[in-house]
Protein backbone atom coordinates (compact mmCIF):
# COMPACT_ATOMS: atom_id res chain seq x y z
CA MET A 1 17.68 6.85 -3.28
CA LEU A 2 21.02 6.44 -5.03
CA ALA A 3 21.83 10.11 -4.40
CA TYR A 4 20.90 9.62 -0.75
CA ALA A 5 23.21 6.60 -0.59
CA ARG A 6 26.00 8.84 -1.87
CA GLY A 7 25.40 11.21 1.06
CA ASP A 8 22.93 13.72 -0.37
CA ALA A 9 20.62 14.23 2.64
CA ALA A 10 18.31 16.49 0.63
CA SER A 11 17.51 13.49 -1.58
CA PHE A 12 16.03 11.70 1.41
CA ASP A 13 13.87 14.74 2.15
CA ARG A 14 12.53 14.62 -1.42
CA LEU A 15 11.87 10.86 -1.23
CA TYR A 16 10.08 11.22 2.07
CA ALA A 17 7.99 14.18 0.90
CA ARG A 18 7.01 12.29 -2.26
CA HIS A 19 6.06 8.98 -0.61
CA LYS A 20 5.11 9.66 3.01
CA GLY A 21 1.40 10.09 2.32
CA THR A 22 0.91 6.97 0.26
CA THR A 23 2.90 4.73 2.60
CA TYR A 24 1.09 6.09 5.65
CA ARG A 25 -2.35 5.62 4.09
CA TYR A 26 -1.43 2.07 3.03
CA LEU A 27 -0.49 1.19 6.62
CA LEU A 28 -3.44 3.05 8.15
CA ARG A 29 -6.00 1.38 5.90
CA HIS A 30 -4.66 -2.04 6.84
CA THR A 31 -4.51 -1.39 10.59
CA SER A 32 -7.36 1.13 11.06
CA ASN A 33 -5.40 2.61 13.94
CA ARG A 34 -3.47 5.88 13.70
CA ALA A 35 -1.03 5.07 16.51
CA THR A 36 -0.18 1.72 14.97
CA ALA A 37 0.13 3.23 11.49
CA ASP A 38 2.40 5.97 12.89
CA GLU A 39 4.66 3.39 14.49
CA LEU A 40 4.79 1.17 11.42
CA HIS A 41 5.36 4.18 9.16
CA GLN A 42 8.27 5.31 11.27
CA ASP A 43 9.72 1.78 11.21
CA VAL A 44 9.48 1.62 7.42
CA TRP A 45 11.33 4.91 6.99
CA LEU A 46 13.96 3.88 9.51
CA ARG A 47 14.50 0.79 7.36
CA VAL A 48 14.89 3.02 4.31
CA VAL A 49 17.56 5.00 6.16
CA GLY A 50 19.26 1.80 7.29
CA ALA A 51 19.27 0.32 3.79
CA ARG A 52 20.65 3.34 1.96
CA GLU A 53 24.14 1.91 1.45
CA ARG A 54 22.95 -1.50 0.24
CA TYR A 55 20.01 -0.31 -1.86
CA ARG A 56 20.12 -1.58 -5.45
CA PRO A 57 17.61 -0.30 -8.01
CA GLU A 58 16.27 -3.66 -9.18
CA ALA A 59 12.75 -2.20 -9.43
CA ARG A 60 11.14 1.22 -9.11
CA PHE A 61 11.83 2.84 -5.75
CA THR A 62 8.10 2.84 -5.06
CA THR A 63 7.96 -0.94 -5.48
CA TRP A 64 10.92 -1.42 -3.15
CA LEU A 65 9.42 0.97 -0.57
CA PHE A 66 6.05 -0.79 -0.55
CA THR A 67 7.84 -4.12 -0.27
CA LEU A 68 9.36 -2.81 2.96
CA ALA A 69 5.98 -1.50 4.12
CA ARG A 70 4.21 -4.76 3.32
CA HIS A 71 6.86 -6.84 5.09
CA ARG A 72 6.61 -4.61 8.15
CA LEU A 73 2.83 -4.96 8.10
CA VAL A 74 3.04 -8.75 7.86
CA ASP A 75 5.51 -8.80 10.77
CA TYR A 76 3.14 -6.64 12.79
CA PHE A 77 0.16 -8.94 12.21
CA ARG A 78 2.23 -12.03 12.99
CA SER A 79 3.52 -10.51 16.23
CA ARG A 80 -0.03 -9.80 17.38
CA GLY A 81 -1.10 -13.41 16.98
CA ASP A 82 -4.64 -12.16 16.43
CA ARG A 83 -6.78 -15.01 15.07
CA ASN A 84 -9.22 -12.48 13.59
CA THR A 85 -6.53 -10.93 11.43
CA VAL A 86 -6.45 -12.28 7.89
CA SER A 87 -3.00 -12.89 6.49
CA LEU A 88 -2.11 -10.75 3.52
CA ASP A 89 -0.95 -13.91 1.78
CA GLU A 90 -4.11 -15.98 2.24
CA ASP A 91 -6.78 -15.61 -0.41
CA GLY A 92 -10.44 -14.90 0.32
CA SER A 93 -12.90 -16.00 -2.05
CA ALA A 94 -10.79 -6.77 -15.07
CA GLU A 95 -7.57 -5.93 -15.75
CA LEU A 96 -6.71 -2.38 -14.74
CA PRO A 97 -4.32 0.01 -16.46
CA ASP A 98 -0.79 0.37 -15.13
CA SER A 99 -0.22 3.48 -13.06
CA GLN A 100 2.71 5.78 -13.65
CA ASP A 101 4.56 7.69 -10.94
CA ASP A 102 6.24 10.70 -12.49
CA GLY A 103 7.94 11.43 -9.17
CA THR A 104 7.42 15.18 -9.36
CA THR A 105 4.96 15.69 -6.53
CA GLU A 106 3.25 13.76 -3.79
CA ARG A 107 0.11 12.07 -5.05
CA VAL A 108 -3.24 13.40 -4.00
CA ASP A 109 -5.06 10.79 -1.91
CA PRO A 110 -6.97 8.92 -4.64
CA LEU A 111 -9.65 7.77 -2.23
CA THR A 112 -10.66 11.30 -1.32
CA GLN A 113 -9.78 13.04 -4.58
CA VAL A 114 -13.12 12.17 -6.20
CA MET A 115 -15.27 11.81 -3.10
CA ASP A 116 -16.49 14.06 -0.36
CA ALA A 117 -15.61 13.26 3.26
CA GLU A 118 -18.75 11.22 3.90
CA ALA A 119 -18.27 9.03 0.84
CA GLY A 120 -14.62 8.55 1.78
CA HIS A 121 -15.65 7.40 5.24
CA ARG A 122 -18.10 4.91 3.72
CA LEU A 123 -15.38 3.59 1.44
CA ILE A 124 -13.00 3.06 4.37
CA GLU A 125 -15.75 1.20 6.25
CA ALA A 126 -16.39 -0.94 3.17
CA LEU A 127 -12.66 -1.59 2.75
CA ALA A 128 -12.54 -3.07 6.25
CA GLY A 129 -14.87 -5.84 5.02
CA VAL A 130 -12.62 -6.83 2.12
CA PRO A 131 -10.42 -9.91 2.78
CA GLY A 132 -6.76 -9.13 3.45
CA PRO A 133 -5.22 -10.25 0.15
CA GLN A 134 -7.83 -8.40 -1.88
CA ARG A 135 -7.53 -5.28 0.28
CA ASP A 136 -3.74 -5.44 -0.04
CA ALA A 137 -3.87 -5.69 -3.84
CA PHE A 138 -6.39 -2.83 -3.96
CA LEU A 139 -4.31 -0.57 -1.73
CA LEU A 140 -1.05 -1.38 -3.51
CA HIS A 141 -2.72 -0.52 -6.81
CA VAL A 142 -4.73 2.52 -5.76
CA GLU A 143 -2.62 4.04 -2.99
CA ALA A 144 0.87 3.02 -4.08
CA GLY A 145 0.15 3.25 -7.79
CA LEU A 146 1.87 -0.07 -8.43
CA SER A 147 1.23 -1.92 -11.67
CA LEU A 148 -0.25 -5.40 -11.72
CA SER A 149 3.15 -6.93 -12.46
CA GLU A 150 4.77 -4.99 -9.60
CA ILE A 151 2.08 -6.17 -7.19
CA ALA A 152 2.56 -9.74 -8.41
CA THR A 153 6.30 -9.54 -7.81
CA LEU A 154 5.90 -7.89 -4.42
CA THR A 155 3.29 -10.36 -3.16
CA GLY A 156 4.78 -13.46 -4.79
CA VAL A 157 1.66 -14.42 -6.72
CA SER A 158 0.86 -14.56 -10.43
CA GLY A 159 -0.44 -11.60 -12.39
CA GLU A 160 -3.71 -13.47 -12.88
CA THR A 161 -4.07 -13.83 -9.12
CA VAL A 162 -3.53 -10.10 -8.71
CA LYS A 163 -6.18 -9.38 -11.36
CA SER A 164 -8.61 -11.70 -9.58
CA ARG A 165 -7.92 -10.12 -6.21
CA LEU A 166 -8.49 -6.65 -7.63
CA ARG A 167 -11.66 -7.73 -9.41
CA TYR A 168 -13.04 -9.29 -6.21
CA ALA A 169 -12.01 -6.26 -4.15
CA TYR A 170 -13.78 -3.86 -6.51
CA ARG A 171 -16.84 -6.13 -6.60
CA ARG A 172 -17.01 -6.27 -2.78
CA LEU A 173 -16.50 -2.53 -2.47
CA ARG A 174 -19.20 -1.74 -5.02
CA ALA A 175 -21.64 -4.07 -3.26
CA ALA A 176 -20.80 -2.67 0.18
CA LEU A 177 -21.14 0.93 -1.01
CA GLU A 178 -24.46 0.18 -2.69
CA ASP A 179 -25.71 -1.34 0.58
CA LEU A 180 -24.68 1.81 2.48
CA GLN A 181 -26.63 4.16 0.21
């Protein structure tokens, strides 16, 4: 991002290629609508372009990028005024290892990497039943590869709250997937 800020357009191409899949999946799994996810994804990357000159590396680029994506998602849900939409900041009802992003290639979709298409579809259906804050923590951890402390900083909650949200998300997903079998 710093190289892009200095005018290296190829740096933006590398950033986009590296992170487009994870940011898109994060938005899609929250909205369950491709057109909406496309629009939000485009908005996020336009914000990246617009922020290039004032970007400061206070955290990993991935953390900053998902902060933009999360804020855009929150704005989208607020603008809809949909009473059925659960705020990402409200809480619904095991500590996991930190993920590392070596930045060399785009990540393979972790939700489909170990599952066939049918199991992936069942997981997405099950994810729709997970409360917003838990789903958000799960997607930030699994899709974005953010550590627990990065998720805590991004969402403005304690590390213990993040752990709880992840634990509840995994518990709900396991139960939902067992029910579907």
